Amino acid sequence: MKDFQTIMGPITTEKSTMLSDKGKYVFKIRKDATKVDVMNAIKSIYGVNVDKVTVSYTRPKTRMARGKYVYEKRGLSKKATVTIEGGKSIDITKFKDSTKKSKKQ
């Protein structure tokens, strides 16, 4: 699987921002991606060694939206929490620049 197809994008929430201070970063990944795929993708995109990858699923949720009787369903998604070796930090915004370059090639 190609690196830019494995990782769909970073997740930037309050909790993931606090984890980034500890050298952990959260990414949304494809449902068929494995830990090894994520490890290789982070290494090629950001150029850092990965210490640990933890994969989890977010369950689907239904909520009311746009009125009283309209429901939206958020589907099942998969996310990976990546720990970087040596306490290094990465720039999350670099991911967007990298995907633009790869599409042009």
PDB file of N, CA and C in Angstrom:
ATOM      1  N   MET A   1       0.845  -1.168   0.000  1.00  0.00           N
ATOM      2  CA  MET A   1       0.000   0.000   0.000  1.00  0.00           C
ATOM      3  C   MET A   1       0.897   1.240   0.000  1.00  0.00           C
ATOM      4  N   LYS A   2       0.522   2.241  -0.773  1.00  0.00           N
ATOM      5  CA  LYS A   2       1.324   3.449  -0.857  1.00  0.00           C
ATOM      6  C   LYS A   2       1.175   4.284   0.413  1.00  0.00           C
ATOM      7  N   ASP A   3       2.228   5.061   0.702  1.00  0.00           N
ATOM      8  CA  ASP A   3       2.287   5.791   1.961  1.00  0.00           C
ATOM      9  C   ASP A   3       1.191   6.839   2.082  1.00  0.00           C
ATOM     10  N   PHE A   4       0.927   7.561   1.014  1.00  0.00           N
ATOM     11  CA  PHE A   4      -0.060   8.627   1.090  1.00  0.00           C
ATOM     12  C   PHE A   4      -1.474   8.090   0.998  1.00  0.00           C
ATOM     13  N   GLN A   5      -1.626   6.823   0.655  1.00  0.00           N
ATOM     14  CA  GLN A   5      -2.942   6.208   0.681  1.00  0.00           C
ATOM     15  C   GLN A   5      -3.235   5.582   2.037  1.00  0.00           C
ATOM     16  N   THR A   6      -2.191   5.228   2.774  1.00  0.00           N
ATOM     17  CA  THR A   6      -2.366   4.623   4.094  1.00  0.00           C
ATOM     18  C   THR A   6      -2.912   5.623   5.089  1.00  0.00           C
ATOM     19  N   ILE A   7      -2.290   6.795   5.144  1.00  0.00           N
ATOM     20  CA  ILE A   7      -2.680   7.819   6.107  1.00  0.00           C
ATOM     21  C   ILE A   7      -3.587   8.818   5.403  1.00  0.00           C
ATOM     22  N   MET A   8      -4.787   8.987   5.945  1.00  0.00           N
ATOM     23  CA  MET A   8      -5.747   9.905   5.335  1.00  0.00           C
ATOM     24  C   MET A   8      -5.555  11.332   5.820  1.00  0.00           C
ATOM     25  N   GLY A   9      -4.992  11.493   7.018  1.00  0.00           N
ATOM     26  CA  GLY A   9      -4.740  12.831   7.526  1.00  0.00           C
ATOM     27  C   GLY A   9      -4.569  12.825   9.031  1.00  0.00           C
ATOM     28  N   PRO A  10      -4.037  13.910   9.566  1.00  0.00           N
ATOM     29  CA  PRO A  10      -3.889  14.003  11.020  1.00  0.00           C
ATOM     30  C   PRO A  10      -5.209  14.349  11.691  1.00  0.00           C
ATOM     31  N   ILE A  11      -5.352  13.943  12.926  1.00  0.00           N
ATOM     32  CA  ILE A  11      -6.518  14.299  13.725  1.00  0.00           C
ATOM     33  C   ILE A  11      -6.068  15.384  14.694  1.00  0.00           C
ATOM     34  N   THR A  12      -6.682  16.545  14.602  1.00  0.00           N
ATOM     35  CA  THR A  12      -6.294  17.654  15.466  1.00  0.00           C
ATOM     36  C   THR A  12      -7.448  17.995  16.401  1.00  0.00           C
ATOM     37  N   THR A  13      -7.421  17.378  17.553  1.00  0.00           N
ATOM     38  CA  THR A  13      -8.384  17.661  18.609  1.00  0.00           C
ATOM     39  C   THR A  13      -7.610  18.149  19.830  1.00  0.00           C
ATOM     40  N   GLU A  14      -8.326  18.518  20.840  1.00  0.00           N
ATOM     41  CA  GLU A  14      -7.665  18.994  22.064  1.00  0.00           C
ATOM     42  C   GLU A  14      -6.829  17.882  22.689  1.00  0.00           C
ATOM     43  N   LYS A  15      -7.355  16.685  22.694  1.00  0.00           N
ATOM     44  CA  LYS A  15      -6.634  15.560  23.280  1.00  0.00           C
ATOM     45  C   LYS A  15      -5.395  15.200  22.463  1.00  0.00           C
ATOM     46  N   SER A  16      -5.506  15.195  21.138  1.00  0.00           N
ATOM     47  CA  SER A  16      -4.351  14.852  20.310  1.00  0.00           C
ATOM     48  C   SER A  16      -3.275  15.933  20.371  1.00  0.00           C
ATOM     49  N   THR A  17      -3.670  17.174  20.584  1.00  0.00           N
ATOM     50  CA  THR A  17      -2.693  18.246  20.741  1.00  0.00           C
ATOM     51  C   THR A  17      -1.911  18.079  22.039  1.00  0.00           C
ATOM     52  N   MET A  18      -2.582  17.653  23.103  1.00  0.00           N
ATOM     53  CA  MET A  18      -1.889  17.402  24.360  1.00  0.00           C
ATOM     54  C   MET A  18      -0.948  16.208  24.240  1.00  0.00           C
ATOM     55  N   LEU A  19      -1.336  15.201  23.455  1.00  0.00           N
ATOM     56  CA  LEU A  19      -0.471  14.040  23.252  1.00  0.00           C
ATOM     57  C   LEU A  19       0.772  14.391  22.439  1.00  0.00           C
ATOM     58  N   SER A  20       0.663  15.373  21.560  1.00  0.00           N
ATOM     59  CA  SER A  20       1.812  15.744  20.735  1.00  0.00           C
ATOM     60  C   SER A  20       2.946  16.327  21.572  1.00  0.00           C
ATOM     61  N   ASP A  21       2.645  16.870  22.741  1.00  0.00           N
ATOM     62  CA  ASP A  21       3.691  17.341  23.647  1.00  0.00           C
ATOM     63  C   ASP A  21       4.521  16.176  24.190  1.00  0.00           C
ATOM     64  N   LYS A  22       3.941  14.997  24.229  1.00  0.00           N
ATOM     65  CA  LYS A  22       4.627  13.802  24.723  1.00  0.00           C
ATOM     66  C   LYS A  22       5.271  12.990  23.597  1.00  0.00           C
ATOM     67  N   GLY A  23       5.184  13.484  22.361  1.00  0.00           N
ATOM     68  CA  GLY A  23       5.776  12.769  21.228  1.00  0.00           C
ATOM     69  C   GLY A  23       4.841  11.754  20.599  1.00  0.00           C
ATOM     70  N   LYS A  24       3.534  11.884  20.870  1.00  0.00           N
ATOM     71  CA  LYS A  24       2.539  10.983  20.288  1.00  0.00           C
ATOM     72  C   LYS A  24       1.658  11.784  19.346  1.00  0.00           C
ATOM     73  N   TYR A  25       1.381  11.232  18.181  1.00  0.00           N
ATOM     74  CA  TYR A  25       0.583  11.913  17.165  1.00  0.00           C
ATOM     75  C   TYR A  25      -0.521  10.980  16.697  1.00  0.00           C
ATOM     76  N   VAL A  26      -1.687  11.543  16.398  1.00  0.00           N
ATOM     77  CA  VAL A  26      -2.858  10.752  16.032  1.00  0.00           C
ATOM     78  C   VAL A  26      -3.202  11.023  14.568  1.00  0.00           C
ATOM     79  N   PHE A  27      -3.402   9.947  13.806  1.00  0.00           N
ATOM     80  CA  PHE A  27      -3.716  10.037  12.384  1.00  0.00           C
ATOM     81  C   PHE A  27      -4.934   9.185  12.061  1.00  0.00           C
ATOM     82  N   LYS A  28      -5.724   9.647  11.111  1.00  0.00           N
ATOM     83  CA  LYS A  28      -6.822   8.847  10.579  1.00  0.00           C
ATOM     84  C   LYS A  28      -6.233   7.993   9.470  1.00  0.00           C
ATOM     85  N   ILE A  29      -6.503   6.691   9.501  1.00  0.00           N
ATOM     86  CA  ILE A  29      -5.913   5.784   8.530  1.00  0.00           C
ATOM     87  C   ILE A  29      -7.007   4.984   7.832  1.00  0.00           C
ATOM     88  N   ARG A  30      -6.619   4.297   6.764  1.00  0.00           N
ATOM     89  CA  ARG A  30      -7.560   3.450   6.040  1.00  0.00           C
ATOM     90  C   ARG A  30      -7.947   2.247   6.881  1.00  0.00           C
ATOM     91  N   LYS A  31      -9.110   1.690   6.601  1.00  0.00           N
ATOM     92  CA  LYS A  31      -9.606   0.563   7.389  1.00  0.00           C
ATOM     93  C   LYS A  31      -8.786  -0.698   7.178  1.00  0.00           C
ATOM     94  N   ASP A  32      -8.139  -0.835   6.024  1.00  0.00           N
ATOM     95  CA  ASP A  32      -7.352  -2.037   5.756  1.00  0.00           C
ATOM     96  C   ASP A  32      -5.858  -1.852   6.039  1.00  0.00           C
ATOM     97  N   ALA A  33      -5.468  -0.735   6.637  1.00  0.00           N
ATOM     98  CA  ALA A  33      -4.053  -0.479   6.938  1.00  0.00           C
ATOM     99  C   ALA A  33      -3.642  -1.216   8.210  1.00  0.00           C
ATOM    100  N   THR A  34      -2.402  -1.694   8.215  1.00  0.00           N
ATOM    101  CA  THR A  34      -1.857  -2.373   9.375  1.00  0.00           C
ATOM    102  C   THR A  34      -0.858  -1.467  10.088  1.00  0.00           C
ATOM    103  N   LYS A  35      -0.373  -1.924  11.242  1.00  0.00           N
ATOM    104  CA  LYS A  35       0.601  -1.145  11.996  1.00  0.00           C
ATOM    105  C   LYS A  35       1.896  -0.957  11.206  1.00  0.00           C
ATOM    106  N   VAL A  36       2.291  -1.984  10.488  1.00  0.00           N
ATOM    107  CA  VAL A  36       3.521  -1.911   9.694  1.00  0.00           C
ATOM    108  C   VAL A  36       3.353  -0.900   8.553  1.00  0.00           C
ATOM    109  N   ASP A  37       2.184  -0.877   7.931  1.00  0.00           N
ATOM    110  CA  ASP A  37       1.914   0.106   6.874  1.00  0.00           C
ATOM    111  C   ASP A  37       2.003   1.525   7.427  1.00  0.00           C
ATOM    112  N   VAL A  38       1.431   1.748   8.605  1.00  0.00           N
ATOM    113  CA  VAL A  38       1.453   3.072   9.220  1.00  0.00           C
ATOM    114  C   VAL A  38       2.884   3.467   9.574  1.00  0.00           C
ATOM    115  N   MET A  39       3.649   2.513  10.112  1.00  0.00           N
ATOM    116  CA  MET A  39       5.034   2.776  10.484  1.00  0.00           C
ATOM    117  C   MET A  39       5.866   3.195   9.271  1.00  0.00           C
ATOM    118  N   ASN A  40       5.707   2.466   8.179  1.00  0.00           N
ATOM    119  CA  ASN A  40       6.449   2.785   6.956  1.00  0.00           C
ATOM    120  C   ASN A  40       6.008   4.120   6.363  1.00  0.00           C
ATOM    121  N   ALA A  41       4.729   4.422   6.436  1.00  0.00           N
ATOM    122  CA  ALA A  41       4.215   5.673   5.883  1.00  0.00           C
ATOM    123  C   ALA A  41       4.738   6.880   6.664  1.00  0.00           C
ATOM    124  N   ILE A  42       4.747   6.804   7.981  1.00  0.00           N
ATOM    125  CA  ILE A  42       5.254   7.909   8.801  1.00  0.00           C
ATOM    126  C   ILE A  42       6.736   8.110   8.549  1.00  0.00           C
ATOM    127  N   LYS A  43       7.464   7.012   8.414  1.00  0.00           N
ATOM    128  CA  LYS A  43       8.909   7.115   8.164  1.00  0.00           C
ATOM    129  C   LYS A  43       9.196   7.786   6.828  1.00  0.00           C
ATOM    130  N   SER A  44       8.422   7.468   5.799  1.00  0.00           N
ATOM    131  CA  SER A  44       8.682   8.058   4.486  1.00  0.00           C
ATOM    132  C   SER A  44       8.156   9.487   4.367  1.00  0.00           C
ATOM    133  N   ILE A  45       7.037   9.809   5.006  1.00  0.00           N
ATOM    134  CA  ILE A  45       6.471  11.157   4.905  1.00  0.00           C
ATOM    135  C   ILE A  45       7.252  12.156   5.749  1.00  0.00           C
ATOM    136  N   TYR A  46       7.502  11.791   7.010  1.00  0.00           N
ATOM    137  CA  TYR A  46       8.115  12.740   7.944  1.00  0.00           C
ATOM    138  C   TYR A  46       9.602  12.510   8.169  1.00  0.00           C
ATOM    139  N   GLY A  47      10.123  11.348   7.792  1.00  0.00           N
ATOM    140  CA  GLY A  47      11.548  11.078   7.938  1.00  0.00           C
ATOM    141  C   GLY A  47      11.992  10.840   9.374  1.00  0.00           C
ATOM    142  N   VAL A  48      11.132  10.292  10.216  1.00  0.00           N
ATOM    143  CA  VAL A  48      11.477   9.989  11.600  1.00  0.00           C
ATOM    144  C   VAL A  48      11.226   8.509  11.867  1.00  0.00           C
ATOM    145  N   ASN A  49      11.921   7.974  12.864  1.00  0.00           N
ATOM    146  CA  ASN A  49      11.719   6.582  13.253  1.00  0.00           C
ATOM    147  C   ASN A  49      10.549   6.487  14.224  1.00  0.00           C
ATOM    148  N   VAL A  50       9.766   5.448  14.067  1.00  0.00           N
ATOM    149  CA  VAL A  50       8.579   5.240  14.887  1.00  0.00           C
ATOM    150  C   VAL A  50       8.888   4.200  15.952  1.00  0.00           C
ATOM    151  N   ASP A  51       8.554   4.526  17.192  1.00  0.00           N
ATOM    152  CA  ASP A  51       8.787   3.614  18.304  1.00  0.00           C
ATOM    153  C   ASP A  51       7.621   2.647  18.470  1.00  0.00           C
ATOM    154  N   LYS A  52       6.390   3.168  18.400  1.00  0.00           N
ATOM    155  CA  LYS A  52       5.223   2.346  18.688  1.00  0.00           C
ATOM    156  C   LYS A  52       4.013   2.868  17.920  1.00  0.00           C
ATOM    157  N   VAL A  53       3.162   1.955  17.481  1.00  0.00           N
ATOM    158  CA  VAL A  53       1.909   2.313  16.810  1.00  0.00           C
ATOM    159  C   VAL A  53       0.772   1.588  17.511  1.00  0.00           C
ATOM    160  N   THR A  54      -0.238   2.342  17.909  1.00  0.00           N
ATOM    161  CA  THR A  54      -1.439   1.778  18.512  1.00  0.00           C
ATOM    162  C   THR A  54      -2.619   2.104  17.606  1.00  0.00           C
ATOM    163  N   VAL A  55      -3.389   1.087  17.251  1.00  0.00           N
ATOM    164  CA  VAL A  55      -4.509   1.259  16.330  1.00  0.00           C
ATOM    165  C   VAL A  55      -5.806   1.062  17.093  1.00  0.00           C
ATOM    166  N   SER A  56      -6.785   1.926  16.831  1.00  0.00           N
ATOM    167  CA  SER A  56      -8.094   1.785  17.463  1.00  0.00           C
ATOM    168  C   SER A  56      -9.187   2.185  16.477  1.00  0.00           C
ATOM    169  N   TYR A  57     -10.389   1.738  16.773  1.00  0.00           N
ATOM    170  CA  TYR A  57     -11.545   2.064  15.955  1.00  0.00           C
ATOM    171  C   TYR A  57     -12.426   3.057  16.702  1.00  0.00           C
ATOM    172  N   THR A  58     -13.018   3.983  15.970  1.00  0.00           N
ATOM    173  CA  THR A  58     -14.031   4.845  16.556  1.00  0.00           C
ATOM    174  C   THR A  58     -15.381   4.298  16.106  1.00  0.00           C
ATOM    175  N   ARG A  59     -16.263   4.106  17.050  1.00  0.00           N
ATOM    176  CA  ARG A  59     -17.530   3.462  16.733  1.00  0.00           C
ATOM    177  C   ARG A  59     -18.457   4.429  15.993  1.00  0.00           C
ATOM    178  N   PRO A  60     -19.371   3.907  15.205  1.00  0.00           N
ATOM    179  CA  PRO A  60     -20.321   4.781  14.519  1.00  0.00           C
ATOM    180  C   PRO A  60     -21.295   5.409  15.514  1.00  0.00           C
ATOM    181  N   LYS A  61     -21.660   6.645  15.273  1.00  0.00           N
ATOM    182  CA  LYS A  61     -22.579   7.348  16.154  1.00  0.00           C
ATOM    183  C   LYS A  61     -23.682   8.001  15.338  1.00  0.00           C
ATOM    184  N   THR A  62     -24.860   8.079  15.919  1.00  0.00           N
ATOM    185  CA  THR A  62     -25.982   8.760  15.301  1.00  0.00           C
ATOM    186  C   THR A  62     -26.309   9.977  16.147  1.00  0.00           C
ATOM    187  N   ARG A  63     -26.544  11.100  15.498  1.00  0.00           N
ATOM    188  CA  ARG A  63     -26.889  12.311  16.233  1.00  0.00           C
ATOM    189  C   ARG A  63     -27.894  13.119  15.442  1.00  0.00           C
ATOM    190  N   MET A  64     -28.651  13.953  16.171  1.00  0.00           N
ATOM    191  CA  MET A  64     -29.604  14.831  15.508  1.00  0.00           C
ATOM    192  C   MET A  64     -28.866  16.024  14.937  1.00  0.00           C
ATOM    193  N   ALA A  65     -29.265  16.415  13.760  1.00  0.00           N
ATOM    194  CA  ALA A  65     -28.622  17.552  13.122  1.00  0.00           C
ATOM    195  C   ALA A  65     -29.634  18.253  12.226  1.00  0.00           C
ATOM    196  N   ARG A  66     -29.433  19.540  12.053  1.00  0.00           N
ATOM    197  CA  ARG A  66     -30.250  20.354  11.152  1.00  0.00           C
ATOM    198  C   ARG A  66     -31.750  20.214  11.421  1.00  0.00           C
ATOM    199  N   GLY A  67     -32.115  20.202  12.635  1.00  0.00           N
ATOM    200  CA  GLY A  67     -33.548  20.140  12.915  1.00  0.00           C
ATOM    201  C   GLY A  67     -33.885  19.054  13.889  1.00  0.00           C
ATOM    202  N   LYS A  68     -35.154  18.891  14.049  1.00  0.00           N
ATOM    203  CA  LYS A  68     -35.631  17.998  15.093  1.00  0.00           C
ATOM    204  C   LYS A  68     -35.583  16.526  14.698  1.00  0.00           C
ATOM    205  N   TYR A  69     -35.912  16.210  13.460  1.00  0.00           N
ATOM    206  CA  TYR A  69     -36.053  14.811  13.074  1.00  0.00           C
ATOM    207  C   TYR A  69     -35.046  14.358  12.035  1.00  0.00           C
ATOM    208  N   VAL A  70     -34.019  15.133  11.797  1.00  0.00           N
ATOM    209  CA  VAL A  70     -32.999  14.745  10.825  1.00  0.00           C
ATOM    210  C   VAL A  70     -31.827  14.135  11.586  1.00  0.00           C
ATOM    211  N   TYR A  71     -31.436  12.929  11.200  1.00  0.00           N
ATOM    212  CA  TYR A  71     -30.346  12.237  11.873  1.00  0.00           C
ATOM    213  C   TYR A  71     -29.183  12.057  10.912  1.00  0.00           C
ATOM    214  N   GLU A  72     -27.979  12.217  11.447  1.00  0.00           N
ATOM    215  CA  GLU A  72     -26.765  11.944  10.686  1.00  0.00           C
ATOM    216  C   GLU A  72     -26.051  10.792  11.363  1.00  0.00           C
ATOM    217  N   LYS A  73     -25.453   9.950  10.570  1.00  0.00           N
ATOM    218  CA  LYS A  73     -24.710   8.835  11.123  1.00  0.00           C
ATOM    219  C   LYS A  73     -23.252   8.965  10.727  1.00  0.00           C
ATOM    220  N   ARG A  74     -22.387   9.006  11.722  1.00  0.00           N
ATOM    221  CA  ARG A  74     -20.951   9.020  11.475  1.00  0.00           C
ATOM    222  C   ARG A  74     -20.501   7.574  11.394  1.00  0.00           C
ATOM    223  N   GLY A  75     -19.808   7.227  10.349  1.00  0.00           N
ATOM    224  CA  GLY A  75     -19.429   5.849  10.124  1.00  0.00           C
ATOM    225  C   GLY A  75     -18.243   5.399  10.956  1.00  0.00           C
ATOM    226  N   LEU A  76     -17.953   4.122  10.861  1.00  0.00           N
ATOM    227  CA  LEU A  76     -16.816   3.525  11.535  1.00  0.00           C
ATOM    228  C   LEU A  76     -15.537   4.053  10.909  1.00  0.00           C
ATOM    229  N   SER A  77     -14.588   4.444  11.735  1.00  0.00           N
ATOM    230  CA  SER A  77     -13.297   4.885  11.209  1.00  0.00           C
ATOM    231  C   SER A  77     -12.187   4.287  12.058  1.00  0.00           C
ATOM    232  N   LYS A  78     -10.984   4.352  11.534  1.00  0.00           N
ATOM    233  CA  LYS A  78      -9.832   3.754  12.191  1.00  0.00           C
ATOM    234  C   LYS A  78      -8.787   4.829  12.400  1.00  0.00           C
ATOM    235  N   LYS A  79      -8.172   4.848  13.572  1.00  0.00           N
ATOM    236  CA  LYS A  79      -7.135   5.841  13.840  1.00  0.00           C
ATOM    237  C   LYS A  79      -5.919   5.166  14.449  1.00  0.00           C
ATOM    238  N   ALA A  80      -4.771   5.805  14.251  1.00  0.00           N
ATOM    239  CA  ALA A  80      -3.520   5.268  14.766  1.00  0.00           C
ATOM    240  C   ALA A  80      -2.836   6.330  15.610  1.00  0.00           C
ATOM    241  N   THR A  81      -2.385   5.928  16.793  1.00  0.00           N
ATOM    242  CA  THR A  81      -1.584   6.789  17.647  1.00  0.00           C
ATOM    243  C   THR A  81      -0.141   6.348  17.487  1.00  0.00           C
ATOM    244  N   VAL A  82       0.704   7.269  17.032  1.00  0.00           N
ATOM    245  CA  VAL A  82       2.091   6.959  16.697  1.00  0.00           C
ATOM    246  C   VAL A  82       3.008   7.627  17.710  1.00  0.00           C
ATOM    247  N   THR A  83       3.918   6.846  18.298  1.00  0.00           N
ATOM    248  CA  THR A  83       4.925   7.374  19.214  1.00  0.00           C
ATOM    249  C   THR A  83       6.246   7.466  18.458  1.00  0.00           C
ATOM    250  N   ILE A  84       6.860   8.643  18.493  1.00  0.00           N
ATOM    251  CA  ILE A  84       8.107   8.893  17.770  1.00  0.00           C
ATOM    252  C   ILE A  84       9.288   8.571  18.680  1.00  0.00           C
ATOM    253  N   GLU A  85      10.340   7.960  18.121  1.00  0.00           N
ATOM    254  CA  GLU A  85      11.533   7.624  18.899  1.00  0.00           C
ATOM    255  C   GLU A  85      12.325   8.858  19.279  1.00  0.00           C
ATOM    256  N   GLY A  86      12.940   8.807  20.444  1.00  0.00           N
ATOM    257  CA  GLY A  86      13.868   9.844  20.862  1.00  0.00           C
ATOM    258  C   GLY A  86      13.243  11.169  21.246  1.00  0.00           C
ATOM    259  N   GLY A  87      11.952  11.225  21.443  1.00  0.00           N
ATOM    260  CA  GLY A  87      11.300  12.459  21.846  1.00  0.00           C
ATOM    261  C   GLY A  87      11.312  13.547  20.788  1.00  0.00           C
ATOM    262  N   LYS A  88      11.515  13.179  19.539  1.00  0.00           N
ATOM    263  CA  LYS A  88      11.507  14.158  18.453  1.00  0.00           C
ATOM    264  C   LYS A  88      10.082  14.629  18.191  1.00  0.00           C
ATOM    265  N   SER A  89       9.983  15.750  17.488  1.00  0.00           N
ATOM    266  CA  SER A  89       8.658  16.253  17.135  1.00  0.00           C
ATOM    267  C   SER A  89       8.565  16.366  15.616  1.00  0.00           C
ATOM    268  N   ILE A  90       7.339  16.310  15.113  1.00  0.00           N
ATOM    269  CA  ILE A  90       7.107  16.456  13.675  1.00  0.00           C
ATOM    270  C   ILE A  90       6.109  17.569  13.450  1.00  0.00           C
ATOM    271  N   ASP A  91       6.111  18.087  12.241  1.00  0.00           N
ATOM    272  CA  ASP A  91       5.185  19.143  11.861  1.00  0.00           C
ATOM    273  C   ASP A  91       3.999  18.506  11.149  1.00  0.00           C
ATOM    274  N   ILE A  92       2.838  18.532  11.787  1.00  0.00           N
ATOM    275  CA  ILE A  92       1.635  17.903  11.237  1.00  0.00           C
ATOM    276  C   ILE A  92       1.234  18.544   9.912  1.00  0.00           C
ATOM    277  N   THR A  93       1.467  19.836   9.754  1.00  0.00           N
ATOM    278  CA  THR A  93       1.036  20.526   8.535  1.00  0.00           C
ATOM    279  C   THR A  93       1.838  20.092   7.319  1.00  0.00           C
ATOM    280  N   LYS A  94       2.971  19.441   7.524  1.00  0.00           N
ATOM    281  CA  LYS A  94       3.791  18.955   6.408  1.00  0.00           C
ATOM    282  C   LYS A  94       3.047  17.885   5.611  1.00  0.00           C
ATOM    283  N   PHE A  95       2.104  17.208   6.240  1.00  0.00           N
ATOM    284  CA  PHE A  95       1.359  16.140   5.565  1.00  0.00           C
ATOM    285  C   PHE A  95       0.601  16.670   4.363  1.00  0.00           C
ATOM    286  N   LYS A  96      -0.029  17.827   4.481  1.00  0.00           N
ATOM    287  CA  LYS A  96      -0.790  18.403   3.379  1.00  0.00           C
ATOM    288  C   LYS A  96       0.124  18.764   2.214  1.00  0.00           C
ATOM    289  N   ASP A  97       1.294  19.313   2.504  1.00  0.00           N
ATOM    290  CA  ASP A  97       2.244  19.664   1.452  1.00  0.00           C
ATOM    291  C   ASP A  97       2.748  18.423   0.733  1.00  0.00           C
ATOM    292  N   SER A  98       2.978  17.351   1.481  1.00  0.00           N
ATOM    293  CA  SER A  98       3.494  16.119   0.900  1.00  0.00           C
ATOM    294  C   SER A  98       2.486  15.471  -0.022  1.00  0.00           C
ATOM    295  N   THR A  99       1.203  15.511   0.324  1.00  0.00           N
ATOM    296  CA  THR A  99       0.197  14.871  -0.515  1.00  0.00           C
ATOM    297  C   THR A  99       0.014  15.640  -1.819  1.00  0.00           C
ATOM    298  N   LYS A 100       0.165  16.956  -1.780  1.00  0.00           N
ATOM    299  CA  LYS A 100       0.053  17.719  -3.007  1.00  0.00           C
ATOM    300  C   LYS A 100       1.185  17.395  -3.966  1.00  0.00           C
ATOM    301  N   LYS A 101       2.393  17.231  -3.440  1.00  0.00           N
ATOM    302  CA  LYS A 101       3.531  16.886  -4.274  1.00  0.00           C
ATOM    303  C   LYS A 101       3.380  15.512  -4.897  1.00  0.00           C
ATOM    304  N   SER A 102       2.860  14.554  -4.118  1.00  0.00           N
ATOM    305  CA  SER A 102       2.743  13.193  -4.626  1.00  0.00           C
ATOM    306  C   SER A 102       1.698  13.079  -5.725  1.00  0.00           C
ATOM    307  N   LYS A 103       0.651  13.887  -5.688  1.00  0.00           N
ATOM    308  CA  LYS A 103      -0.383  13.823  -6.725  1.00  0.00           C
ATOM    309  C   LYS A 103       0.129  14.386  -8.052  1.00  0.00           C
ATOM    310  N   LYS A 104       1.062  15.348  -7.999  1.00  0.00           N
ATOM    311  CA  LYS A 104       1.573  15.941  -9.221  1.00  0.00           C
ATOM    312  C   LYS A 104       2.517  14.999  -9.953  1.00  0.00           C
ATOM    313  N   GLN A 105       3.173  14.111  -9.219  1.00  0.00           N
ATOM    314  CA  GLN A 105       4.174  13.220  -9.829  1.00  0.00           C
ATOM    315  C   GLN A 105       3.552  12.152 -10.654  1.00  0.00           C
TER     316      GLN A 105
END
